């Protein structure tokens, strides 16, 4: 909803089974071992296991993190195509 709000374009989210996502990532040229890592991030996000908030961005970069909305607005032209 936020991407559509910022870009003014609809965005349809399609949930894929992990196996189908793995095959799609591999078809894009990603090695199988890394494809499984990518899919594990998606699975953990869906299950809420990576919903924690940390200060890592500020600690590592010395700058306050941007919100997703700030990032989308700053990159609107690239996202809207």
PDB file of N, CA and C in Angstrom:
ATOM      1  N   UNK A   1       0.825  -1.184   0.000  1.00  0.00           N
ATOM      2  CA  UNK A   1       0.000   0.000   0.000  1.00  0.00           C
ATOM      3  C   UNK A   1       0.877   1.258   0.000  1.00  0.00           C
ATOM      4  N   UNK A   2       1.975   1.242   0.735  1.00  0.00           N
ATOM      5  CA  UNK A   2       2.832   2.424   0.823  1.00  0.00           C
ATOM      6  C   UNK A   2       3.510   2.723  -0.515  1.00  0.00           C
ATOM      7  N   UNK A   3       3.981   1.691  -1.206  1.00  0.00           N
ATOM      8  CA  UNK A   3       4.619   1.903  -2.508  1.00  0.00           C
ATOM      9  C   UNK A   3       3.613   2.507  -3.482  1.00  0.00           C
ATOM     10  N   UNK A   4       2.400   1.985  -3.497  1.00  0.00           N
ATOM     11  CA  UNK A   4       1.353   2.525  -4.373  1.00  0.00           C
ATOM     12  C   UNK A   4       1.028   3.965  -4.015  1.00  0.00           C
ATOM     13  N   UNK A   5       0.976   4.260  -2.731  1.00  0.00           N
ATOM     14  CA  UNK A   5       0.684   5.626  -2.275  1.00  0.00           C
ATOM     15  C   UNK A   5       1.738   6.607  -2.769  1.00  0.00           C
ATOM     16  N   UNK A   6       3.004   6.243  -2.645  1.00  0.00           N
ATOM     17  CA  UNK A   6       4.097   7.151  -3.007  1.00  0.00           C
ATOM     18  C   UNK A   6       4.258   7.267  -4.522  1.00  0.00           C
ATOM     19  N   UNK A   7       4.176   6.144  -5.238  1.00  0.00           N
ATOM     20  CA  UNK A   7       4.419   6.171  -6.687  1.00  0.00           C
ATOM     21  C   UNK A   7       3.175   6.486  -7.499  1.00  0.00           C
ATOM     22  N   UNK A   8       2.008   6.295  -6.894  1.00  0.00           N
ATOM     23  CA  UNK A   8       0.770   6.490  -7.638  1.00  0.00           C
ATOM     24  C   UNK A   8       0.465   5.352  -8.585  1.00  0.00           C
ATOM     25  N   UNK A   9       1.213   4.255  -8.459  1.00  0.00           N
ATOM     26  CA  UNK A   9       1.010   3.085  -9.314  1.00  0.00           C
ATOM     27  C   UNK A   9       0.612   1.895  -8.446  1.00  0.00           C
ATOM     28  N   UNK A  10      -0.290   1.065  -8.955  1.00  0.00           N
ATOM     29  CA  UNK A  10      -0.676  -0.110  -8.168  1.00  0.00           C
ATOM     30  C   UNK A  10       0.476  -1.117  -8.095  1.00  0.00           C
ATOM     31  N   UNK A  11       0.551  -1.811  -6.996  1.00  0.00           N
ATOM     32  CA  UNK A  11       1.553  -2.853  -6.809  1.00  0.00           C
ATOM     33  C   UNK A  11       0.837  -4.080  -6.277  1.00  0.00           C
ATOM     34  N   UNK A  12       0.898  -5.147  -7.033  1.00  0.00           N
ATOM     35  CA  UNK A  12       0.255  -6.384  -6.610  1.00  0.00           C
ATOM     36  C   UNK A  12       1.302  -7.289  -5.965  1.00  0.00           C
ATOM     37  N   UNK A  13       1.027  -7.714  -4.755  1.00  0.00           N
ATOM     38  CA  UNK A  13       1.919  -8.627  -4.051  1.00  0.00           C
ATOM     39  C   UNK A  13       1.390 -10.039  -4.256  1.00  0.00           C
ATOM     40  N   UNK A  14       2.249 -10.908  -4.742  1.00  0.00           N
ATOM     41  CA  UNK A  14       1.863 -12.293  -4.986  1.00  0.00           C
ATOM     42  C   UNK A  14       2.689 -13.179  -4.070  1.00  0.00           C
ATOM     43  N   UNK A  15       2.020 -13.917  -3.211  1.00  0.00           N
ATOM     44  CA  UNK A  15       2.716 -14.840  -2.317  1.00  0.00           C
ATOM     45  C   UNK A  15       3.013 -16.135  -3.070  1.00  0.00           C
ATOM     46  N   UNK A  16       4.260 -16.541  -3.062  1.00  0.00           N
ATOM     47  CA  UNK A  16       4.673 -17.788  -3.701  1.00  0.00           C
ATOM     48  C   UNK A  16       5.089 -18.789  -2.644  1.00  0.00           C
ATOM     49  N   UNK A  17       4.843 -20.061  -2.889  1.00  0.00           N
ATOM     50  CA  UNK A  17       5.411 -21.071  -1.989  1.00  0.00           C
ATOM     51  C   UNK A  17       6.942 -20.967  -2.035  1.00  0.00           C
ATOM     52  N   UNK A  18       7.586 -21.302  -0.935  1.00  0.00           N
ATOM     53  CA  UNK A  18       9.047 -21.186  -0.865  1.00  0.00           C
ATOM     54  C   UNK A  18       9.743 -21.918  -2.010  1.00  0.00           C
ATOM     55  N   UNK A  19       9.238 -23.090  -2.375  1.00  0.00           N
ATOM     56  CA  UNK A  19       9.867 -23.870  -3.447  1.00  0.00           C
ATOM     57  C   UNK A  19       9.801 -23.119  -4.780  1.00  0.00           C
ATOM     58  N   UNK A  20       8.648 -22.507  -5.066  1.00  0.00           N
ATOM     59  CA  UNK A  20       8.497 -21.761  -6.321  1.00  0.00           C
ATOM     60  C   UNK A  20       9.392 -20.526  -6.324  1.00  0.00           C
ATOM     61  N   UNK A  21       9.491 -19.853  -5.187  1.00  0.00           N
ATOM     62  CA  UNK A  21      10.362 -18.687  -5.090  1.00  0.00           C
ATOM     63  C   UNK A  21      11.822 -19.095  -5.281  1.00  0.00           C
ATOM     64  N   UNK A  22      12.219 -20.196  -4.672  1.00  0.00           N
ATOM     65  CA  UNK A  22      13.593 -20.701  -4.834  1.00  0.00           C
ATOM     66  C   UNK A  22      13.887 -20.976  -6.301  1.00  0.00           C
ATOM     67  N   UNK A  23      12.967 -21.642  -6.980  1.00  0.00           N
ATOM     68  CA  UNK A  23      13.170 -21.954  -8.399  1.00  0.00           C
ATOM     69  C   UNK A  23      13.254 -20.680  -9.238  1.00  0.00           C
ATOM     70  N   UNK A  24      12.434 -19.689  -8.929  1.00  0.00           N
ATOM     71  CA  UNK A  24      12.472 -18.427  -9.659  1.00  0.00           C
ATOM     72  C   UNK A  24      13.778 -17.682  -9.461  1.00  0.00           C
ATOM     73  N   UNK A  25      14.265 -17.680  -8.231  1.00  0.00           N
ATOM     74  CA  UNK A  25      15.537 -17.008  -7.933  1.00  0.00           C
ATOM     75  C   UNK A  25      16.681 -17.731  -8.644  1.00  0.00           C
ATOM     76  N   UNK A  26      16.650 -19.058  -8.626  1.00  0.00           N
ATOM     77  CA  UNK A  26      17.673 -19.835  -9.340  1.00  0.00           C
ATOM     78  C   UNK A  26      17.604 -19.574 -10.843  1.00  0.00           C
ATOM     79  N   UNK A  27      16.385 -19.468 -11.385  1.00  0.00           N
ATOM     80  CA  UNK A  27      16.216 -19.206 -12.819  1.00  0.00           C
ATOM     81  C   UNK A  27      16.780 -17.839 -13.204  1.00  0.00           C
ATOM     82  N   UNK A  28      16.868 -16.935 -12.229  1.00  0.00           N
ATOM     83  CA  UNK A  28      17.449 -15.612 -12.473  1.00  0.00           C
ATOM     84  C   UNK A  28      18.976 -15.645 -12.411  1.00  0.00           C
ATOM     85  N   UNK A  29      19.543 -16.835 -12.160  1.00  0.00           N
ATOM     86  CA  UNK A  29      20.992 -16.976 -12.173  1.00  0.00           C
ATOM     87  C   UNK A  29      21.664 -17.020 -10.815  1.00  0.00           C
ATOM     88  N   UNK A  30      20.871 -17.049  -9.752  1.00  0.00           N
ATOM     89  CA  UNK A  30      21.441 -17.093  -8.402  1.00  0.00           C
ATOM     90  C   UNK A  30      21.755 -18.548  -8.054  1.00  0.00           C
ATOM     91  N   UNK A  31      22.956 -18.835  -7.545  1.00  0.00           N
ATOM     92  CA  UNK A  31      23.286 -20.207  -7.151  1.00  0.00           C
ATOM     93  C   UNK A  31      22.301 -20.737  -6.101  1.00  0.00           C
ATOM     94  N   UNK A  32      22.038 -22.044  -6.151  1.00  0.00           N
ATOM     95  CA  UNK A  32      21.023 -22.649  -5.284  1.00  0.00           C
ATOM     96  C   UNK A  32      21.244 -22.351  -3.805  1.00  0.00           C
ATOM     97  N   UNK A  33      22.476 -22.436  -3.322  1.00  0.00           N
ATOM     98  CA  UNK A  33      22.733 -22.204  -1.904  1.00  0.00           C
ATOM     99  C   UNK A  33      22.321 -20.792  -1.492  1.00  0.00           C
ATOM    100  N   UNK A  34      22.640 -19.802  -2.329  1.00  0.00           N
ATOM    101  CA  UNK A  34      22.286 -18.423  -2.003  1.00  0.00           C
ATOM    102  C   UNK A  34      20.799 -18.176  -2.222  1.00  0.00           C
ATOM    103  N   UNK A  35      20.212 -18.846  -3.206  1.00  0.00           N
ATOM    104  CA  UNK A  35      18.765 -18.731  -3.434  1.00  0.00           C
ATOM    105  C   UNK A  35      18.015 -19.160  -2.180  1.00  0.00           C
ATOM    106  N   UNK A  36      18.470 -20.216  -1.543  1.00  0.00           N
ATOM    107  CA  UNK A  36      17.816 -20.686  -0.314  1.00  0.00           C
ATOM    108  C   UNK A  36      17.967 -19.666   0.822  1.00  0.00           C
ATOM    109  N   UNK A  37      19.093 -18.977   0.878  1.00  0.00           N
ATOM    110  CA  UNK A  37      19.285 -17.925   1.884  1.00  0.00           C
ATOM    111  C   UNK A  37      18.293 -16.786   1.632  1.00  0.00           C
ATOM    112  N   UNK A  38      18.171 -16.371   0.379  1.00  0.00           N
ATOM    113  CA  UNK A  38      17.228 -15.302   0.031  1.00  0.00           C
ATOM    114  C   UNK A  38      15.811 -15.694   0.428  1.00  0.00           C
ATOM    115  N   UNK A  39      15.414 -16.911   0.103  1.00  0.00           N
ATOM    116  CA  UNK A  39      14.065 -17.385   0.423  1.00  0.00           C
ATOM    117  C   UNK A  39      13.873 -17.482   1.931  1.00  0.00           C
ATOM    118  N   UNK A  40      14.925 -17.809   2.671  1.00  0.00           N
ATOM    119  CA  UNK A  40      14.788 -17.891   4.131  1.00  0.00           C
ATOM    120  C   UNK A  40      14.489 -16.513   4.725  1.00  0.00           C
ATOM    121  N   UNK A  41      15.030 -15.444   4.131  1.00  0.00           N
ATOM    122  CA  UNK A  41      14.693 -14.092   4.601  1.00  0.00           C
ATOM    123  C   UNK A  41      13.210 -13.815   4.388  1.00  0.00           C
ATOM    124  N   UNK A  42      12.695 -14.215   3.228  1.00  0.00           N
ATOM    125  CA  UNK A  42      11.275 -14.023   2.935  1.00  0.00           C
ATOM    126  C   UNK A  42      10.419 -14.813   3.926  1.00  0.00           C
ATOM    127  N   UNK A  43      10.779 -16.059   4.168  1.00  0.00           N
ATOM    128  CA  UNK A  43      10.017 -16.904   5.096  1.00  0.00           C
ATOM    129  C   UNK A  43      10.057 -16.342   6.513  1.00  0.00           C
ATOM    130  N   UNK A  44      11.217 -15.893   6.950  1.00  0.00           N
ATOM    131  CA  UNK A  44      11.336 -15.332   8.298  1.00  0.00           C
ATOM    132  C   UNK A  44      10.598 -14.006   8.433  1.00  0.00           C
ATOM    133  N   UNK A  45      10.556 -13.217   7.370  1.00  0.00           N
ATOM    134  CA  UNK A  45       9.789 -11.970   7.391  1.00  0.00           C
ATOM    135  C   UNK A  45       8.304 -12.276   7.516  1.00  0.00           C
ATOM    136  N   UNK A  46       7.813 -13.224   6.720  1.00  0.00           N
ATOM    137  CA  UNK A  46       6.397 -13.609   6.781  1.00  0.00           C
ATOM    138  C   UNK A  46       5.999 -14.084   8.168  1.00  0.00           C
ATOM    139  N   UNK A  47       6.887 -14.795   8.832  1.00  0.00           N
ATOM    140  CA  UNK A  47       6.558 -15.359  10.145  1.00  0.00           C
ATOM    141  C   UNK A  47       6.776 -14.356  11.280  1.00  0.00           C
ATOM    142  N   UNK A  48       7.314 -13.174  10.968  1.00  0.00           N
ATOM    143  CA  UNK A  48       7.518 -12.152  11.987  1.00  0.00           C
ATOM    144  C   UNK A  48       8.802 -12.301  12.776  1.00  0.00           C
ATOM    145  N   UNK A  49       9.684 -13.194  12.335  1.00  0.00           N
ATOM    146  CA  UNK A  49      10.928 -13.418  13.077  1.00  0.00           C
ATOM    147  C   UNK A  49      11.986 -12.342  12.853  1.00  0.00           C
ATOM    148  N   UNK A  50      11.793 -11.485  11.852  1.00  0.00           N
ATOM    149  CA  UNK A  50      12.765 -10.406  11.662  1.00  0.00           C
ATOM    150  C   UNK A  50      12.061  -9.055  11.759  1.00  0.00           C
ATOM    151  N   UNK A  51      11.249  -8.905  12.771  1.00  0.00           N
ATOM    152  CA  UNK A  51      10.520  -7.649  12.937  1.00  0.00           C
ATOM    153  C   UNK A  51      11.137  -6.765  14.017  1.00  0.00           C
ATOM    154  N   UNK A  52      12.307  -7.164  14.503  1.00  0.00           N
ATOM    155  CA  UNK A  52      12.932  -6.397  15.575  1.00  0.00           C
ATOM    156  C   UNK A  52      13.484  -5.071  15.059  1.00  0.00           C
ATOM    157  N   UNK A  53      13.577  -4.123  15.951  1.00  0.00           N
ATOM    158  CA  UNK A  53      14.146  -2.811  15.635  1.00  0.00           C
ATOM    159  C   UNK A  53      15.450  -2.692  16.411  1.00  0.00           C
ATOM    160  N   UNK A  54      16.521  -2.312  15.706  1.00  0.00           N
ATOM    161  CA  UNK A  54      17.824  -2.151  16.358  1.00  0.00           C
ATOM    162  C   UNK A  54      18.400  -0.780  16.004  1.00  0.00           C
ATOM    163  N   UNK A  55      19.523  -0.466  16.604  1.00  0.00           N
ATOM    164  CA  UNK A  55      20.214   0.786  16.292  1.00  0.00           C
ATOM    165  C   UNK A  55      21.406   0.540  15.357  1.00  0.00           C
ATOM    166  N   UNK A  56      21.418  -0.595  14.664  1.00  0.00           N
ATOM    167  CA  UNK A  56      22.563  -0.981  13.846  1.00  0.00           C
ATOM    168  C   UNK A  56      22.875   0.027  12.741  1.00  0.00           C
ATOM    169  N   UNK A  57      21.868   0.550  12.070  1.00  0.00           N
ATOM    170  CA  UNK A  57      22.120   1.510  10.983  1.00  0.00           C
ATOM    171  C   UNK A  57      22.851   2.735  11.516  1.00  0.00           C
ATOM    172  N   UNK A  58      22.338   3.297  12.599  1.00  0.00           N
ATOM    173  CA  UNK A  58      22.965   4.495  13.167  1.00  0.00           C
ATOM    174  C   UNK A  58      24.353   4.175  13.722  1.00  0.00           C
ATOM    175  N   UNK A  59      24.493   3.041  14.373  1.00  0.00           N
ATOM    176  CA  UNK A  59      25.781   2.653  14.944  1.00  0.00           C
ATOM    177  C   UNK A  59      26.832   2.467  13.853  1.00  0.00           C
ATOM    178  N   UNK A  60      26.461   1.791  12.779  1.00  0.00           N
ATOM    179  CA  UNK A  60      27.426   1.486  11.726  1.00  0.00           C
ATOM    180  C   UNK A  60      27.691   2.658  10.784  1.00  0.00           C
ATOM    181  N   UNK A  61      26.673   3.482  10.530  1.00  0.00           N
ATOM    182  CA  UNK A  61      26.841   4.567   9.553  1.00  0.00           C
ATOM    183  C   UNK A  61      27.045   5.935  10.194  1.00  0.00           C
ATOM    184  N   UNK A  62      26.660   6.058  11.469  1.00  0.00           N
ATOM    185  CA  UNK A  62      26.744   7.355  12.124  1.00  0.00           C
ATOM    186  C   UNK A  62      25.602   8.284  11.746  1.00  0.00           C
ATOM    187  N   UNK A  63      24.611   7.762  11.007  1.00  0.00           N
ATOM    188  CA  UNK A  63      23.459   8.570  10.582  1.00  0.00           C
ATOM    189  C   UNK A  63      22.168   7.916  11.038  1.00  0.00           C
ATOM    190  N   UNK A  64      21.169   8.746  11.258  1.00  0.00           N
ATOM    191  CA  UNK A  64      19.852   8.228  11.609  1.00  0.00           C
ATOM    192  C   UNK A  64      19.291   7.469  10.407  1.00  0.00           C
ATOM    193  N   UNK A  65      18.628   6.352  10.644  1.00  0.00           N
ATOM    194  CA  UNK A  65      18.034   5.620   9.518  1.00  0.00           C
ATOM    195  C   UNK A  65      16.836   6.375   8.943  1.00  0.00           C
ATOM    196  N   UNK A  66      16.551   6.111   7.678  1.00  0.00           N
ATOM    197  CA  UNK A  66      15.374   6.683   7.029  1.00  0.00           C
ATOM    198  C   UNK A  66      14.221   5.699   7.177  1.00  0.00           C
ATOM    199  N   UNK A  67      13.033   6.236   7.217  1.00  0.00           N
ATOM    200  CA  UNK A  67      11.858   5.367   7.217  1.00  0.00           C
ATOM    201  C   UNK A  67      11.675   4.822   5.803  1.00  0.00           C
ATOM    202  N   UNK A  68      10.885   3.773   5.676  1.00  0.00           N
ATOM    203  CA  UNK A  68      10.604   3.228   4.354  1.00  0.00           C
ATOM    204  C   UNK A  68       9.955   4.295   3.476  1.00  0.00           C
ATOM    205  N   UNK A  69       9.044   5.068   4.039  1.00  0.00           N
ATOM    206  CA  UNK A  69       8.378   6.121   3.264  1.00  0.00           C
ATOM    207  C   UNK A  69       9.393   7.156   2.777  1.00  0.00           C
ATOM    208  N   UNK A  70      10.342   7.555   3.619  1.00  0.00           N
ATOM    209  CA  UNK A  70      11.376   8.511   3.202  1.00  0.00           C
ATOM    210  C   UNK A  70      12.206   7.940   2.053  1.00  0.00           C
ATOM    211  N   UNK A  71      12.570   6.661   2.151  1.00  0.00           N
ATOM    212  CA  UNK A  71      13.341   6.009   1.093  1.00  0.00           C
ATOM    213  C   UNK A  71      12.551   5.988  -0.211  1.00  0.00           C
ATOM    214  N   UNK A  72      11.281   5.593  -0.124  1.00  0.00           N
ATOM    215  CA  UNK A  72      10.442   5.524  -1.319  1.00  0.00           C
ATOM    216  C   UNK A  72      10.282   6.897  -1.963  1.00  0.00           C
ATOM    217  N   UNK A  73      10.053   7.921  -1.150  1.00  0.00           N
ATOM    218  CA  UNK A  73       9.890   9.273  -1.688  1.00  0.00           C
ATOM    219  C   UNK A  73      11.177   9.770  -2.343  1.00  0.00           C
ATOM    220  N   UNK A  74      12.322   9.459  -1.751  1.00  0.00           N
ATOM    221  CA  UNK A  74      13.605   9.880  -2.316  1.00  0.00           C
ATOM    222  C   UNK A  74      13.919   9.162  -3.626  1.00  0.00           C
ATOM    223  N   UNK A  75      13.339   7.980  -3.823  1.00  0.00           N
ATOM    224  CA  UNK A  75      13.611   7.172  -5.017  1.00  0.00           C
ATOM    225  C   UNK A  75      12.379   7.007  -5.904  1.00  0.00           C
ATOM    226  N   UNK A  76      11.429   7.899  -5.740  1.00  0.00           N
ATOM    227  CA  UNK A  76      10.144   7.803  -6.445  1.00  0.00           C
ATOM    228  C   UNK A  76      10.313   7.701  -7.963  1.00  0.00           C
ATOM    229  N   UNK A  77      11.171   8.523  -8.538  1.00  0.00           N
ATOM    230  CA  UNK A  77      11.345   8.520  -9.997  1.00  0.00           C
ATOM    231  C   UNK A  77      11.814   7.159 -10.498  1.00  0.00           C
ATOM    232  N   UNK A  78      12.770   6.562  -9.812  1.00  0.00           N
ATOM    233  CA  UNK A  78      13.281   5.259 -10.229  1.00  0.00           C
ATOM    234  C   UNK A  78      12.230   4.168 -10.044  1.00  0.00           C
ATOM    235  N   UNK A  79      11.456   4.261  -8.983  1.00  0.00           N
ATOM    236  CA  UNK A  79      10.446   3.245  -8.702  1.00  0.00           C
ATOM    237  C   UNK A  79       9.237   3.357  -9.622  1.00  0.00           C
ATOM    238  N   UNK A  80       8.885   4.572  -9.991  1.00  0.00           N
ATOM    239  CA  UNK A  80       7.701   4.785 -10.824  1.00  0.00           C
ATOM    240  C   UNK A  80       7.969   4.485 -12.297  1.00  0.00           C
ATOM    241  N   UNK A  81       9.252   4.398 -12.645  1.00  0.00           N
ATOM    242  CA  UNK A  81       9.619   4.043 -14.008  1.00  0.00           C
ATOM    243  C   UNK A  81       9.337   5.122 -14.956  1.00  0.00           C
TER     244      UNK A  81
END
